[in-house]
């Protein structure tokens, strides 16, 4: 192999290592802390706007989309289930509240989009459908919360993953 050919290979490897070509294969970053923060912000917004006398807790979550909208700034789309806890509205200790498991407990499903960065998390969209039925009464579902951010805040970004299966790989 000639010196010129070796120099080309070394230059290519150097560019690949410095991240000038692509960072994703070389750099493993976990989005789990960002997803946890996005879910906490969504739950805080839900509990702030709800008419329920009790705080809601999330009981499952899937990340549907992660897109990069700026340097170290990501929009995350979440789907999660909610259920009433035993703690009354106004309690500041949601992490220590037990979930109500009685048949009369209100539960539902929420979807949200949250912008997460180093210094902040901003809910851009939150939509919750709450099933307020109990085992004794007929089913009734209502849209509890609907929040949309201004259009200027909804900048399309570079999609890093789409779908629960692919996004789960970034939450290790």
Protein backbone atom coordinates (compact mmCIF):
# COMPACT_ATOMS: atom_id res chain seq x y z
CA UNK A 1 0.00 0.00 0.00
CA UNK A 2 1.31 3.43 -0.89
CA UNK A 3 1.92 6.23 1.60
CA UNK A 4 -0.83 8.30 -0.03
CA UNK A 5 -3.37 5.50 0.42
CA UNK A 6 -2.40 5.03 4.07
CA UNK A 7 -2.60 8.76 4.65
CA UNK A 8 -6.13 8.78 3.19
CA UNK A 9 -7.23 5.97 5.49
CA UNK A 10 -5.70 7.66 8.53
CA UNK A 11 -7.37 10.96 7.64
CA UNK A 12 -10.71 9.20 7.25
CA UNK A 13 -10.33 7.46 10.62
CA UNK A 14 -9.33 10.73 12.29
CA UNK A 15 -12.41 12.52 10.93
CA UNK A 16 -14.61 9.63 12.01
CA UNK A 17 -13.17 9.65 15.55
CA UNK A 18 -13.47 13.40 16.05
CA UNK A 19 -17.17 13.23 15.26
CA UNK A 20 -17.02 15.31 12.11
CA UNK A 21 -18.77 12.59 10.12
CA UNK A 22 -21.21 11.10 12.61
CA UNK A 23 -21.35 11.16 16.37
CA UNK A 24 -24.21 8.71 16.97
CA UNK A 25 -22.33 5.44 16.31
CA UNK A 26 -19.41 6.57 18.47
CA UNK A 27 -21.23 8.26 21.33
CA UNK A 28 -23.81 6.40 23.45
CA UNK A 29 -26.05 8.85 25.27
CA UNK A 30 -28.93 7.78 27.51
CA UNK A 31 -32.10 9.83 27.21
CA UNK A 32 -33.62 8.17 30.31
CA UNK A 33 -32.99 11.18 32.64
CA UNK A 34 -34.51 13.51 30.02
CA UNK A 35 -37.52 11.19 29.61
CA UNK A 36 -37.98 11.05 33.39
CA UNK A 37 -37.87 14.85 33.57
CA UNK A 38 -40.33 15.16 30.67
CA UNK A 39 -42.74 12.83 32.43
CA UNK A 40 -42.42 14.74 35.74
CA UNK A 41 -43.13 18.03 33.96
CA UNK A 42 -46.15 16.50 32.22
CA UNK A 43 -47.52 15.13 35.50
CA UNK A 44 -46.97 18.47 37.22
CA UNK A 45 -48.93 20.21 34.47
CA UNK A 46 -51.71 17.62 34.67
CA UNK A 47 -51.96 17.92 38.45
CA UNK A 48 -51.93 21.72 38.22
CA UNK A 49 -54.89 21.75 35.83
CA UNK A 50 -56.96 18.84 37.08
CA UNK A 51 -60.22 19.07 38.96
CA UNK A 52 -59.48 15.88 40.89
CA UNK A 53 -59.01 16.17 44.66
CA UNK A 54 -56.05 13.76 44.40
CA UNK A 55 -52.73 13.87 42.57
CA UNK A 56 -52.24 11.66 39.53
CA UNK A 57 -49.27 9.30 39.18
CA UNK A 58 -47.90 7.72 36.03
CA UNK A 59 -48.13 3.94 35.91
CA UNK A 60 -46.43 3.22 32.57
CA UNK A 61 -44.61 5.20 29.88
CA UNK A 62 -43.40 4.88 26.32
CA UNK A 63 -41.28 7.41 24.48
CA UNK A 64 -42.65 7.77 20.96
CA UNK A 65 -40.32 10.38 19.46
CA UNK A 66 -37.08 12.17 20.28
CA UNK A 67 -36.02 15.03 18.04
CA UNK A 68 -33.11 17.40 18.41
CA UNK A 69 -34.25 21.01 18.00
CA UNK A 70 -31.07 22.79 19.07
CA UNK A 71 -27.78 22.30 20.84
CA UNK A 72 -28.49 19.93 23.74
CA UNK A 73 -32.24 20.63 23.36
CA UNK A 74 -34.70 17.87 22.54
CA UNK A 75 -38.44 17.50 22.04
CA UNK A 76 -39.80 14.26 23.48
CA UNK A 77 -43.20 12.75 22.73
CA UNK A 78 -44.46 10.55 25.57
CA UNK A 79 -47.49 8.32 26.03
CA UNK A 80 -48.26 7.32 29.60
CA UNK A 81 -51.05 6.01 31.77
CA UNK A 82 -52.18 7.88 34.87
CA UNK A 83 -54.05 6.87 37.98
CA UNK A 84 -55.12 8.76 41.08
CA UNK A 85 -52.89 8.55 44.13
CA UNK A 86 -53.84 8.72 47.79
CA UNK A 87 -52.23 12.18 48.16
CA UNK A 88 -54.46 15.25 47.98
CA UNK A 89 -53.85 18.09 45.52
CA UNK A 90 -51.35 20.51 47.03
CA UNK A 91 -49.05 17.76 48.33
CA UNK A 92 -45.42 18.24 47.35
CA UNK A 93 -44.34 14.64 47.71
CA UNK A 94 -45.74 12.84 44.67
CA UNK A 95 -42.79 10.43 44.58
CA UNK A 96 -43.86 9.05 47.97
CA UNK A 97 -47.60 8.85 47.20
CA UNK A 98 -49.09 5.39 46.78
CA UNK A 99 -51.34 4.78 43.80
CA UNK A 100 -55.02 4.14 44.55
CA UNK A 101 -56.02 0.65 43.51
CA UNK A 102 -59.67 0.79 44.52
CA UNK A 103 -62.33 0.26 41.83
CA UNK A 104 -63.37 3.91 42.19
CA UNK A 105 -59.90 5.28 41.38
CA UNK A 106 -59.83 7.53 38.33
CA UNK A 107 -57.40 6.52 35.61
CA UNK A 108 -56.60 7.60 32.10
CA UNK A 109 -54.11 7.98 29.28
CA UNK A 110 -51.99 11.01 28.40
CA UNK A 111 -49.79 12.05 25.52
CA UNK A 112 -47.37 14.94 25.81
CA UNK A 113 -44.58 16.74 24.03
CA UNK A 114 -41.96 18.33 26.25
CA UNK A 115 -38.91 20.38 25.29
CA UNK A 116 -36.00 19.29 27.48
CA UNK A 117 -32.64 21.02 27.77
CA UNK A 118 -29.91 21.35 30.37
CA UNK A 119 -31.52 24.15 32.34
CA UNK A 120 -35.25 23.68 31.74
CA UNK A 121 -38.15 21.50 30.64
CA UNK A 122 -41.16 23.11 28.96
CA UNK A 123 -44.45 21.30 28.25
CA UNK A 124 -45.40 22.06 24.65
CA UNK A 125 -48.44 19.81 24.41
CA UNK A 126 -50.42 17.74 26.91
CA UNK A 127 -53.59 15.83 26.22
CA UNK A 128 -55.22 13.47 28.72
CA UNK A 129 -58.28 11.30 28.34
CA UNK A 130 -59.62 10.34 31.74
CA UNK A 131 -61.96 7.43 32.34
CA UNK A 132 -64.02 8.56 35.31
CA UNK A 133 -66.09 5.39 35.52
CA UNK A 134 -66.00 2.96 38.39
CA UNK A 135 -66.84 -0.72 38.27
CA UNK A 136 -70.41 0.01 39.38
CA UNK A 137 -71.25 2.80 36.93
CA UNK A 138 -71.29 3.18 33.19
CA UNK A 139 -68.14 4.19 31.37
CA UNK A 140 -67.53 7.86 30.72
CA UNK A 141 -64.40 9.31 29.21
CA UNK A 142 -63.56 12.98 29.12
CA UNK A 143 -60.71 15.09 27.86
CA UNK A 144 -59.27 16.49 31.06
CA UNK A 145 -56.37 18.63 29.95
CA UNK A 146 -55.33 20.06 26.64
CA UNK A 147 -52.33 22.38 26.49
CA UNK A 148 -50.63 23.64 23.36
CA UNK A 149 -47.57 25.83 23.19
CA UNK A 150 -47.33 28.79 20.81
CA UNK A 151 -46.49 27.88 17.22
CA UNK A 152 -43.09 29.57 17.55
CA UNK A 153 -42.09 27.03 20.23
CA UNK A 154 -42.83 24.10 17.94
CA UNK A 155 -39.71 24.02 15.80
CA UNK A 156 -39.26 20.84 13.77
CA UNK A 157 -36.00 19.15 14.59
CA UNK A 158 -33.78 16.27 13.57
CA UNK A 159 -35.62 13.06 14.44
CA UNK A 160 -33.36 10.76 16.47
CA UNK A 161 -35.96 8.01 16.92
CA UNK A 162 -39.60 7.40 16.09
CA UNK A 163 -41.71 4.67 17.72
CA UNK A 164 -41.53 3.03 21.11
CA UNK A 165 -39.29 0.17 19.98
CA UNK A 166 -36.61 2.40 18.49
CA UNK A 167 -36.74 5.07 21.21
CA UNK A 168 -36.39 2.45 23.95
CA UNK A 169 -32.89 1.75 22.60
CA UNK A 170 -31.88 5.30 23.58
CA UNK A 171 -33.23 4.95 27.14
CA UNK A 172 -30.74 2.38 28.46
